[in-house]
Amino acid sequence: MPWAAAGEGPGGLLRVATADLSSLTEGLADTASRILEVFGGVTMRLSDYLVTRLVEIVVHLDDFEHSIEATLPKPPGPAVDLTLATLFEIAMVRDGPYN
């Protein structure tokens, strides 16, 4: 139980968070190809949907920082790389390589 681990200090919280992250990682791997209805009958794989959420976070993090008047941690390099690759792919699909 996380609340009990809080009484153990940072080490207890780290232990619980590590176990939860491991469980989440395994659960997502098992369901990554699951199909979701995301909006108005549009469906997509869970793994693709999560990429769209990551893109939103990376692209709008600066706006969010300004709105709450706080400095937030910068997204990790792999998140930025995936965001850039996704935005590039969208641009290529929409406009082609020479437009």
PDB file of N, CA and C in Angstrom:
ATOM      1  N   MET A   1       0.842  -1.180   0.000  1.00  0.00           N
ATOM      2  CA  MET A   1       0.000   0.000   0.000  1.00  0.00           C
ATOM      3  C   MET A   1       0.887   1.243   0.000  1.00  0.00           C
ATOM      4  N   PRO A   2       0.677   2.162  -0.931  1.00  0.00           N
ATOM      5  CA  PRO A   2       1.543   3.335  -1.039  1.00  0.00           C
ATOM      6  C   PRO A   2       1.596   4.166   0.230  1.00  0.00           C
ATOM      7  N   TRP A   3       0.461   4.303   0.930  1.00  0.00           N
ATOM      8  CA  TRP A   3       0.454   5.159   2.120  1.00  0.00           C
ATOM      9  C   TRP A   3       1.330   4.570   3.202  1.00  0.00           C
ATOM     10  N   ALA A   4       1.339   3.266   3.329  1.00  0.00           N
ATOM     11  CA  ALA A   4       2.210   2.632   4.321  1.00  0.00           C
ATOM     12  C   ALA A   4       3.672   2.842   3.936  1.00  0.00           C
ATOM     13  N   ALA A   5       3.971   2.770   2.650  1.00  0.00           N
ATOM     14  CA  ALA A   5       5.343   2.970   2.189  1.00  0.00           C
ATOM     15  C   ALA A   5       5.803   4.394   2.451  1.00  0.00           C
ATOM     16  N   ALA A   6       4.885   5.353   2.454  1.00  0.00           N
ATOM     17  CA  ALA A   6       5.262   6.745   2.720  1.00  0.00           C
ATOM     18  C   ALA A   6       5.868   6.878   4.102  1.00  0.00           C
ATOM     19  N   GLY A   7       5.392   6.089   5.043  1.00  0.00           N
ATOM     20  CA  GLY A   7       5.950   6.105   6.394  1.00  0.00           C
ATOM     21  C   GLY A   7       7.371   5.572   6.447  1.00  0.00           C
ATOM     22  N   GLU A   8       7.774   4.839   5.416  1.00  0.00           N
ATOM     23  CA  GLU A   8       9.136   4.300   5.346  1.00  0.00           C
ATOM     24  C   GLU A   8      10.116   5.308   4.764  1.00  0.00           C
ATOM     25  N   GLY A   9       9.604   6.450   4.328  1.00  0.00           N
ATOM     26  CA  GLY A   9      10.476   7.472   3.752  1.00  0.00           C
ATOM     27  C   GLY A   9      10.681   7.267   2.264  1.00  0.00           C
ATOM     28  N   PRO A  10      11.652   7.987   1.708  1.00  0.00           N
ATOM     29  CA  PRO A  10      11.888   7.937   0.257  1.00  0.00           C
ATOM     30  C   PRO A  10      12.165   6.534  -0.273  1.00  0.00           C
ATOM     31  N   GLY A  11      12.868   5.714   0.505  1.00  0.00           N
ATOM     32  CA  GLY A  11      13.166   4.350   0.058  1.00  0.00           C
ATOM     33  C   GLY A  11      11.913   3.514  -0.132  1.00  0.00           C
ATOM     34  N   GLY A  12      10.961   3.660   0.777  1.00  0.00           N
ATOM     35  CA  GLY A  12       9.709   2.922   0.666  1.00  0.00           C
ATOM     36  C   GLY A  12       8.894   3.367  -0.534  1.00  0.00           C
ATOM     37  N   LEU A  13       8.844   4.679  -0.745  1.00  0.00           N
ATOM     38  CA  LEU A  13       8.115   5.186  -1.906  1.00  0.00           C
ATOM     39  C   LEU A  13       8.765   4.741  -3.208  1.00  0.00           C
ATOM     40  N   LEU A  14      10.093   4.752  -3.248  1.00  0.00           N
ATOM     41  CA  LEU A  14      10.798   4.303  -4.443  1.00  0.00           C
ATOM     42  C   LEU A  14      10.513   2.831  -4.720  1.00  0.00           C
ATOM     43  N   ARG A  15      10.468   2.021  -3.671  1.00  0.00           N
ATOM     44  CA  ARG A  15      10.179   0.589  -3.831  1.00  0.00           C
ATOM     45  C   ARG A  15       8.792   0.387  -4.431  1.00  0.00           C
ATOM     46  N   VAL A  16       7.791   1.079  -3.899  1.00  0.00           N
ATOM     47  CA  VAL A  16       6.420   0.937  -4.393  1.00  0.00           C
ATOM     48  C   VAL A  16       6.303   1.480  -5.817  1.00  0.00           C
ATOM     49  N   ALA A  17       6.913   2.639  -6.076  1.00  0.00           N
ATOM     50  CA  ALA A  17       6.841   3.228  -7.418  1.00  0.00           C
ATOM     51  C   ALA A  17       7.510   2.320  -8.448  1.00  0.00           C
ATOM     52  N   THR A  18       8.634   1.717  -8.082  1.00  0.00           N
ATOM     53  CA  THR A  18       9.335   0.817  -8.997  1.00  0.00           C
ATOM     54  C   THR A  18       8.472  -0.403  -9.310  1.00  0.00           C
ATOM     55  N   ALA A  19       7.841  -0.963  -8.306  1.00  0.00           N
ATOM     56  CA  ALA A  19       6.963  -2.118  -8.522  1.00  0.00           C
ATOM     57  C   ALA A  19       5.762  -1.727  -9.381  1.00  0.00           C
ATOM     58  N   ASP A  20       5.184  -0.561  -9.111  1.00  0.00           N
ATOM     59  CA  ASP A  20       4.038  -0.102  -9.906  1.00  0.00           C
ATOM     60  C   ASP A  20       4.433   0.143 -11.353  1.00  0.00           C
ATOM     61  N   LEU A  21       5.596   0.743 -11.572  1.00  0.00           N
ATOM     62  CA  LEU A  21       6.067   1.004 -12.930  1.00  0.00           C
ATOM     63  C   LEU A  21       6.289  -0.305 -13.679  1.00  0.00           C
ATOM     64  N   SER A  22       6.850  -1.282 -13.012  1.00  0.00           N
ATOM     65  CA  SER A  22       7.065  -2.590 -13.640  1.00  0.00           C
ATOM     66  C   SER A  22       5.732  -3.218 -14.036  1.00  0.00           C
ATOM     67  N   SER A  23       4.773  -3.144 -13.156  1.00  0.00           N
ATOM     68  CA  SER A  23       3.449  -3.699 -13.434  1.00  0.00           C
ATOM     69  C   SER A  23       2.780  -2.960 -14.599  1.00  0.00           C
ATOM     70  N   LEU A  24       2.897  -1.645 -14.607  1.00  0.00           N
ATOM     71  CA  LEU A  24       2.309  -0.841 -15.679  1.00  0.00           C
ATOM     72  C   LEU A  24       2.967  -1.160 -17.014  1.00  0.00           C
ATOM     73  N   THR A  25       4.284  -1.277 -17.017  1.00  0.00           N
ATOM     74  CA  THR A  25       5.015  -1.587 -18.239  1.00  0.00           C
ATOM     75  C   THR A  25       4.572  -2.932 -18.812  1.00  0.00           C
ATOM     76  N   GLU A  26       4.452  -3.930 -17.956  1.00  0.00           N
ATOM     77  CA  GLU A  26       4.001  -5.255 -18.406  1.00  0.00           C
ATOM     78  C   GLU A  26       2.565  -5.185 -18.928  1.00  0.00           C
ATOM     79  N   GLY A  27       1.703  -4.464 -18.230  1.00  0.00           N
ATOM     80  CA  GLY A  27       0.306  -4.356 -18.634  1.00  0.00           C
ATOM     81  C   GLY A  27       0.141  -3.648 -19.967  1.00  0.00           C
ATOM     82  N   LEU A  28       0.923  -2.589 -20.187  1.00  0.00           N
ATOM     83  CA  LEU A  28       0.839  -1.873 -21.454  1.00  0.00           C
ATOM     84  C   LEU A  28       1.372  -2.721 -22.610  1.00  0.00           C
ATOM     85  N   ALA A  29       2.407  -3.492 -22.360  1.00  0.00           N
ATOM     86  CA  ALA A  29       2.952  -4.342 -23.422  1.00  0.00           C
ATOM     87  C   ALA A  29       1.908  -5.358 -23.873  1.00  0.00           C
ATOM     88  N   ASP A  30       1.117  -5.851 -22.938  1.00  0.00           N
ATOM     89  CA  ASP A  30       0.087  -6.840 -23.266  1.00  0.00           C
ATOM     90  C   ASP A  30      -1.095  -6.227 -24.013  1.00  0.00           C
ATOM     91  N   THR A  31      -1.305  -4.924 -23.869  1.00  0.00           N
ATOM     92  CA  THR A  31      -2.496  -4.313 -24.456  1.00  0.00           C
ATOM     93  C   THR A  31      -2.169  -3.278 -25.537  1.00  0.00           C
ATOM     94  N   ALA A  32      -0.914  -3.165 -25.936  1.00  0.00           N
ATOM     95  CA  ALA A  32      -0.504  -2.113 -26.875  1.00  0.00           C
ATOM     96  C   ALA A  32      -1.272  -2.165 -28.191  1.00  0.00           C
ATOM     97  N   SER A  33      -1.693  -3.359 -28.624  1.00  0.00           N
ATOM     98  CA  SER A  33      -2.406  -3.458 -29.894  1.00  0.00           C
ATOM     99  C   SER A  33      -3.929  -3.411 -29.711  1.00  0.00           C
ATOM    100  N   ARG A  34      -4.363  -3.210 -28.476  1.00  0.00           N
ATOM    101  CA  ARG A  34      -5.802  -3.107 -28.208  1.00  0.00           C
ATOM    102  C   ARG A  34      -6.378  -1.922 -28.974  1.00  0.00           C
ATOM    103  N   ILE A  35      -7.571  -2.076 -29.517  1.00  0.00           N
ATOM    104  CA  ILE A  35      -8.224  -1.028 -30.300  1.00  0.00           C
ATOM    105  C   ILE A  35      -9.144  -0.220 -29.376  1.00  0.00           C
ATOM    106  N   LEU A  36      -9.016   1.100 -29.471  1.00  0.00           N
ATOM    107  CA  LEU A  36      -9.842   2.016 -28.686  1.00  0.00           C
ATOM    108  C   LEU A  36     -10.703   2.858 -29.624  1.00  0.00           C
ATOM    109  N   GLU A  37     -11.881   3.214 -29.163  1.00  0.00           N
ATOM    110  CA  GLU A  37     -12.642   4.248 -29.853  1.00  0.00           C
ATOM    111  C   GLU A  37     -12.259   5.549 -29.177  1.00  0.00           C
ATOM    112  N   VAL A  38     -11.656   6.460 -29.939  1.00  0.00           N
ATOM    113  CA  VAL A  38     -11.117   7.670 -29.322  1.00  0.00           C
ATOM    114  C   VAL A  38     -12.025   8.876 -29.442  1.00  0.00           C
ATOM    115  N   PHE A  39     -12.753   9.002 -30.544  1.00  0.00           N
ATOM    116  CA  PHE A  39     -13.642  10.146 -30.702  1.00  0.00           C
ATOM    117  C   PHE A  39     -14.505   9.944 -31.934  1.00  0.00           C
ATOM    118  N   GLY A  40     -15.782  10.115 -31.772  1.00  0.00           N
ATOM    119  CA  GLY A  40     -16.700  10.088 -32.904  1.00  0.00           C
ATOM    120  C   GLY A  40     -16.600   8.853 -33.779  1.00  0.00           C
ATOM    121  N   GLY A  41     -16.372   7.700 -33.163  1.00  0.00           N
ATOM    122  CA  GLY A  41     -16.282   6.465 -33.925  1.00  0.00           C
ATOM    123  C   GLY A  41     -14.909   6.171 -34.496  1.00  0.00           C
ATOM    124  N   VAL A  42     -13.965   7.097 -34.367  1.00  0.00           N
ATOM    125  CA  VAL A  42     -12.593   6.863 -34.836  1.00  0.00           C
ATOM    126  C   VAL A  42     -11.932   5.878 -33.883  1.00  0.00           C
ATOM    127  N   THR A  43     -11.259   4.883 -34.460  1.00  0.00           N
ATOM    128  CA  THR A  43     -10.564   3.897 -33.632  1.00  0.00           C
ATOM    129  C   THR A  43      -9.072   3.926 -33.937  1.00  0.00           C
ATOM    130  N   MET A  44      -8.293   3.527 -32.948  1.00  0.00           N
ATOM    131  CA  MET A  44      -6.845   3.415 -33.136  1.00  0.00           C
ATOM    132  C   MET A  44      -6.281   2.484 -32.068  1.00  0.00           C
ATOM    133  N   ARG A  45      -5.069   1.998 -32.331  1.00  0.00           N
ATOM    134  CA  ARG A  45      -4.402   1.134 -31.354  1.00  0.00           C
ATOM    135  C   ARG A  45      -4.032   1.953 -30.124  1.00  0.00           C
ATOM    136  N   LEU A  46      -4.050   1.315 -28.973  1.00  0.00           N
ATOM    137  CA  LEU A  46      -3.680   1.975 -27.730  1.00  0.00           C
ATOM    138  C   LEU A  46      -2.274   2.555 -27.828  1.00  0.00           C
ATOM    139  N   SER A  47      -1.337   1.824 -28.413  1.00  0.00           N
ATOM    140  CA  SER A  47       0.039   2.311 -28.518  1.00  0.00           C
ATOM    141  C   SER A  47       0.106   3.601 -29.334  1.00  0.00           C
ATOM    142  N   ASP A  48      -0.672   3.693 -30.400  1.00  0.00           N
ATOM    143  CA  ASP A  48      -0.701   4.911 -31.215  1.00  0.00           C
ATOM    144  C   ASP A  48      -1.380   6.058 -30.461  1.00  0.00           C
ATOM    145  N   TYR A  49      -2.431   5.734 -29.729  1.00  0.00           N
ATOM    146  CA  TYR A  49      -3.124   6.755 -28.947  1.00  0.00           C
ATOM    147  C   TYR A  49      -2.183   7.358 -27.904  1.00  0.00           C
ATOM    148  N   LEU A  50      -1.398   6.520 -27.243  1.00  0.00           N
ATOM    149  CA  LEU A  50      -0.473   7.027 -26.230  1.00  0.00           C
ATOM    150  C   LEU A  50       0.574   7.945 -26.851  1.00  0.00           C
ATOM    151  N   VAL A  51       0.975   7.669 -28.081  1.00  0.00           N
ATOM    152  CA  VAL A  51       1.906   8.577 -28.771  1.00  0.00           C
ATOM    153  C   VAL A  51       1.251   9.938 -28.964  1.00  0.00           C
ATOM    154  N   THR A  52      -0.037   9.970 -29.306  1.00  0.00           N
ATOM    155  CA  THR A  52      -0.703  11.260 -29.488  1.00  0.00           C
ATOM    156  C   THR A  52      -0.731  12.051 -28.186  1.00  0.00           C
ATOM    157  N   ARG A  53      -0.889  11.374 -27.080  1.00  0.00           N
ATOM    158  CA  ARG A  53      -0.895  12.057 -25.778  1.00  0.00           C
ATOM    159  C   ARG A  53       0.497  12.603 -25.464  1.00  0.00           C
ATOM    160  N   LEU A  54       1.532  11.830 -25.799  1.00  0.00           N
ATOM    161  CA  LEU A  54       2.906  12.278 -25.574  1.00  0.00           C
ATOM    162  C   LEU A  54       3.209  13.513 -26.416  1.00  0.00           C
ATOM    163  N   VAL A  55       2.785  13.503 -27.671  1.00  0.00           N
ATOM    164  CA  VAL A  55       2.993  14.660 -28.547  1.00  0.00           C
ATOM    165  C   VAL A  55       2.327  15.892 -27.936  1.00  0.00           C
ATOM    166  N   GLU A  56       1.112  15.751 -27.457  1.00  0.00           N
ATOM    167  CA  GLU A  56       0.416  16.882 -26.837  1.00  0.00           C
ATOM    168  C   GLU A  56       1.192  17.428 -25.642  1.00  0.00           C
ATOM    169  N   ILE A  57       1.698  16.541 -24.808  1.00  0.00           N
ATOM    170  CA  ILE A  57       2.451  16.979 -23.630  1.00  0.00           C
ATOM    171  C   ILE A  57       3.716  17.719 -24.047  1.00  0.00           C
ATOM    172  N   VAL A  58       4.481  17.145 -24.963  1.00  0.00           N
ATOM    173  CA  VAL A  58       5.742  17.763 -25.366  1.00  0.00           C
ATOM    174  C   VAL A  58       5.498  19.102 -26.060  1.00  0.00           C
ATOM    175  N   VAL A  59       4.536  19.147 -26.962  1.00  0.00           N
ATOM    176  CA  VAL A  59       4.281  20.361 -27.735  1.00  0.00           C
ATOM    177  C   VAL A  59       3.731  21.482 -26.849  1.00  0.00           C
ATOM    178  N   HIS A  60       2.885  21.134 -25.896  1.00  0.00           N
ATOM    179  CA  HIS A  60       2.197  22.174 -25.119  1.00  0.00           C
ATOM    180  C   HIS A  60       2.752  22.364 -23.707  1.00  0.00           C
ATOM    181  N   LEU A  61       3.873  21.731 -23.390  1.00  0.00           N
ATOM    182  CA  LEU A  61       4.436  21.852 -22.050  1.00  0.00           C
ATOM    183  C   LEU A  61       4.766  23.307 -21.710  1.00  0.00           C
ATOM    184  N   ASP A  62       5.312  24.034 -22.659  1.00  0.00           N
ATOM    185  CA  ASP A  62       5.659  25.431 -22.429  1.00  0.00           C
ATOM    186  C   ASP A  62       4.411  26.260 -22.119  1.00  0.00           C
ATOM    187  N   ASP A  63       3.333  26.038 -22.866  1.00  0.00           N
ATOM    188  CA  ASP A  63       2.076  26.745 -22.605  1.00  0.00           C
ATOM    189  C   ASP A  63       1.564  26.443 -21.197  1.00  0.00           C
ATOM    190  N   PHE A  64       1.657  25.179 -20.821  1.00  0.00           N
ATOM    191  CA  PHE A  64       1.194  24.776 -19.498  1.00  0.00           C
ATOM    192  C   PHE A  64       2.032  25.440 -18.409  1.00  0.00           C
ATOM    193  N   GLU A  65       3.345  25.475 -18.596  1.00  0.00           N
ATOM    194  CA  GLU A  65       4.225  26.135 -17.622  1.00  0.00           C
ATOM    195  C   GLU A  65       3.810  27.590 -17.418  1.00  0.00           C
ATOM    196  N   HIS A  66       3.563  28.285 -18.519  1.00  0.00           N
ATOM    197  CA  HIS A  66       3.167  29.689 -18.417  1.00  0.00           C
ATOM    198  C   HIS A  66       1.809  29.847 -17.730  1.00  0.00           C
ATOM    199  N   SER A  67       0.903  28.936 -18.002  1.00  0.00           N
ATOM    200  CA  SER A  67      -0.443  29.067 -17.431  1.00  0.00           C
ATOM    201  C   SER A  67      -0.445  28.842 -15.925  1.00  0.00           C
ATOM    202  N   ILE A  68       0.467  28.005 -15.423  1.00  0.00           N
ATOM    203  CA  ILE A  68       0.507  27.779 -13.975  1.00  0.00           C
ATOM    204  C   ILE A  68       1.656  28.536 -13.310  1.00  0.00           C
ATOM    205  N   GLU A  69       2.389  29.308 -14.122  1.00  0.00           N
ATOM    206  CA  GLU A  69       3.510  30.104 -13.627  1.00  0.00           C
ATOM    207  C   GLU A  69       4.489  29.254 -12.825  1.00  0.00           C
ATOM    208  N   ALA A  70       4.923  28.170 -13.457  1.00  0.00           N
ATOM    209  CA  ALA A  70       5.872  27.263 -12.811  1.00  0.00           C
ATOM    210  C   ALA A  70       6.834  26.710 -13.850  1.00  0.00           C
ATOM    211  N   THR A  71       7.970  26.265 -13.383  1.00  0.00           N
ATOM    212  CA  THR A  71       8.928  25.596 -14.254  1.00  0.00           C
ATOM    213  C   THR A  71       8.800  24.100 -14.021  1.00  0.00           C
ATOM    214  N   LEU A  72       8.552  23.376 -15.090  1.00  0.00           N
ATOM    215  CA  LEU A  72       8.389  21.925 -15.012  1.00  0.00           C
ATOM    216  C   LEU A  72       9.611  21.247 -15.597  1.00  0.00           C
ATOM    217  N   PRO A  73       9.847  19.992 -15.220  1.00  0.00           N
ATOM    218  CA  PRO A  73      10.970  19.269 -15.825  1.00  0.00           C
ATOM    219  C   PRO A  73      10.783  19.147 -17.333  1.00  0.00           C
ATOM    220  N   LYS A  74      11.858  19.261 -18.059  1.00  0.00           N
ATOM    221  CA  LYS A  74      11.807  19.099 -19.513  1.00  0.00           C
ATOM    222  C   LYS A  74      11.576  17.626 -19.844  1.00  0.00           C
ATOM    223  N   PRO A  75      10.873  17.357 -20.940  1.00  0.00           N
ATOM    224  CA  PRO A  75      10.638  15.957 -21.303  1.00  0.00           C
ATOM    225  C   PRO A  75      11.955  15.271 -21.660  1.00  0.00           C
ATOM    226  N   PRO A  76      12.049  13.984 -21.395  1.00  0.00           N
ATOM    227  CA  PRO A  76      13.283  13.265 -21.716  1.00  0.00           C
ATOM    228  C   PRO A  76      13.519  13.198 -23.225  1.00  0.00           C
ATOM    229  N   GLY A  77      14.776  13.051 -23.606  1.00  0.00           N
ATOM    230  CA  GLY A  77      15.157  13.009 -25.013  1.00  0.00           C
ATOM    231  C   GLY A  77      14.341  12.051 -25.856  1.00  0.00           C
ATOM    232  N   PRO A  78      14.122  10.805 -25.409  1.00  0.00           N
ATOM    233  CA  PRO A  78      13.329   9.881 -26.230  1.00  0.00           C
ATOM    234  C   PRO A  78      11.903  10.380 -26.486  1.00  0.00           C
ATOM    235  N   ALA A  79      11.318  11.101 -25.544  1.00  0.00           N
ATOM    236  CA  ALA A  79       9.972  11.647 -25.753  1.00  0.00           C
ATOM    237  C   ALA A  79      10.000  12.737 -26.819  1.00  0.00           C
ATOM    238  N   VAL A  80      11.029  13.570 -26.777  1.00  0.00           N
ATOM    239  CA  VAL A  80      11.167  14.625 -27.788  1.00  0.00           C
ATOM    240  C   VAL A  80      11.442  14.001 -29.156  1.00  0.00           C
ATOM    241  N   ASP A  81      12.309  12.993 -29.198  1.00  0.00           N
ATOM    242  CA  ASP A  81      12.614  12.323 -30.467  1.00  0.00           C
ATOM    243  C   ASP A  81      11.363  11.708 -31.087  1.00  0.00           C
ATOM    244  N   LEU A  82      10.558  11.022 -30.267  1.00  0.00           N
ATOM    245  CA  LEU A  82       9.330  10.401 -30.775  1.00  0.00           C
ATOM    246  C   LEU A  82       8.346  11.471 -31.242  1.00  0.00           C
ATOM    247  N   THR A  83       8.270  12.566 -30.523  1.00  0.00           N
ATOM    248  CA  THR A  83       7.388  13.669 -30.920  1.00  0.00           C
ATOM    249  C   THR A  83       7.810  14.239 -32.269  1.00  0.00           C
ATOM    250  N   LEU A  84       9.096  14.510 -32.428  1.00  0.00           N
ATOM    251  CA  LEU A  84       9.583  15.056 -33.701  1.00  0.00           C
ATOM    252  C   LEU A  84       9.339  14.088 -34.852  1.00  0.00           C
ATOM    253  N   ALA A  85       9.605  12.815 -34.626  1.00  0.00           N
ATOM    254  CA  ALA A  85       9.381  11.816 -35.677  1.00  0.00           C
ATOM    255  C   ALA A  85       7.906  11.736 -36.045  1.00  0.00           C
ATOM    256  N   THR A  86       7.040  11.806 -35.053  1.00  0.00           N
ATOM    257  CA  THR A  86       5.597  11.744 -35.300  1.00  0.00           C
ATOM    258  C   THR A  86       5.119  12.961 -36.075  1.00  0.00           C
ATOM    259  N   LEU A  87       5.569  14.151 -35.670  1.00  0.00           N
ATOM    260  CA  LEU A  87       5.168  15.364 -36.374  1.00  0.00           C
ATOM    261  C   LEU A  87       5.701  15.377 -37.803  1.00  0.00           C
ATOM    262  N   PHE A  88       6.908  14.873 -38.007  1.00  0.00           N
ATOM    263  CA  PHE A  88       7.470  14.783 -39.347  1.00  0.00           C
ATOM    264  C   PHE A  88       6.639  13.832 -40.206  1.00  0.00           C
ATOM    265  N   GLU A  89       6.270  12.692 -39.641  1.00  0.00           N
ATOM    266  CA  GLU A  89       5.455  11.718 -40.377  1.00  0.00           C
ATOM    267  C   GLU A  89       4.095  12.317 -40.756  1.00  0.00           C
ATOM    268  N   ILE A  90       3.487  13.057 -39.840  1.00  0.00           N
ATOM    269  CA  ILE A  90       2.207  13.706 -40.133  1.00  0.00           C
ATOM    270  C   ILE A  90       2.369  14.700 -41.278  1.00  0.00           C
ATOM    271  N   ALA A  91       3.435  15.495 -41.237  1.00  0.00           N
ATOM    272  CA  ALA A  91       3.669  16.478 -42.300  1.00  0.00           C
ATOM    273  C   ALA A  91       3.865  15.786 -43.645  1.00  0.00           C
ATOM    274  N   MET A  92       4.570  14.671 -43.666  1.00  0.00           N
ATOM    275  CA  MET A  92       4.800  13.951 -44.918  1.00  0.00           C
ATOM    276  C   MET A  92       3.505  13.369 -45.464  1.00  0.00           C
ATOM    277  N   VAL A  93       2.664  12.846 -44.594  1.00  0.00           N
ATOM    278  CA  VAL A  93       1.393  12.285 -45.033  1.00  0.00           C
ATOM    279  C   VAL A  93       0.480  13.397 -45.561  1.00  0.00           C
ATOM    280  N   ARG A  94       0.453  14.510 -44.874  1.00  0.00           N
ATOM    281  CA  ARG A  94      -0.434  15.613 -45.271  1.00  0.00           C
ATOM    282  C   ARG A  94       0.021  16.327 -46.526  1.00  0.00           C
ATOM    283  N   ASP A  95       1.308  16.656 -46.599  1.00  0.00           N
ATOM    284  CA  ASP A  95       1.788  17.537 -47.652  1.00  0.00           C
ATOM    285  C   ASP A  95       2.777  16.900 -48.630  1.00  0.00           C
ATOM    286  N   GLY A  96       3.230  15.707 -48.348  1.00  0.00           N
ATOM    287  CA  GLY A  96       4.211  15.071 -49.225  1.00  0.00           C
ATOM    288  C   GLY A  96       5.593  15.674 -49.018  1.00  0.00           C
ATOM    289  N   PRO A  97       6.574  15.069 -49.654  1.00  0.00           N
ATOM    290  CA  PRO A  97       7.961  15.502 -49.393  1.00  0.00           C
ATOM    291  C   PRO A  97       8.363  16.805 -50.065  1.00  0.00           C
ATOM    292  N   TYR A  98       7.592  17.312 -51.019  1.00  0.00           N
ATOM    293  CA  TYR A  98       8.057  18.470 -51.788  1.00  0.00           C
ATOM    294  C   TYR A  98       7.096  19.657 -51.723  1.00  0.00           C
ATOM    295  N   ASN A  99       6.150  19.663 -50.830  1.00  0.00           N
ATOM    296  CA  ASN A  99       5.175  20.781 -50.756  1.00  0.00           C
ATOM    297  C   ASN A  99       5.530  21.727 -49.647  1.00  0.00           C
TER     298      ASN A  99
END
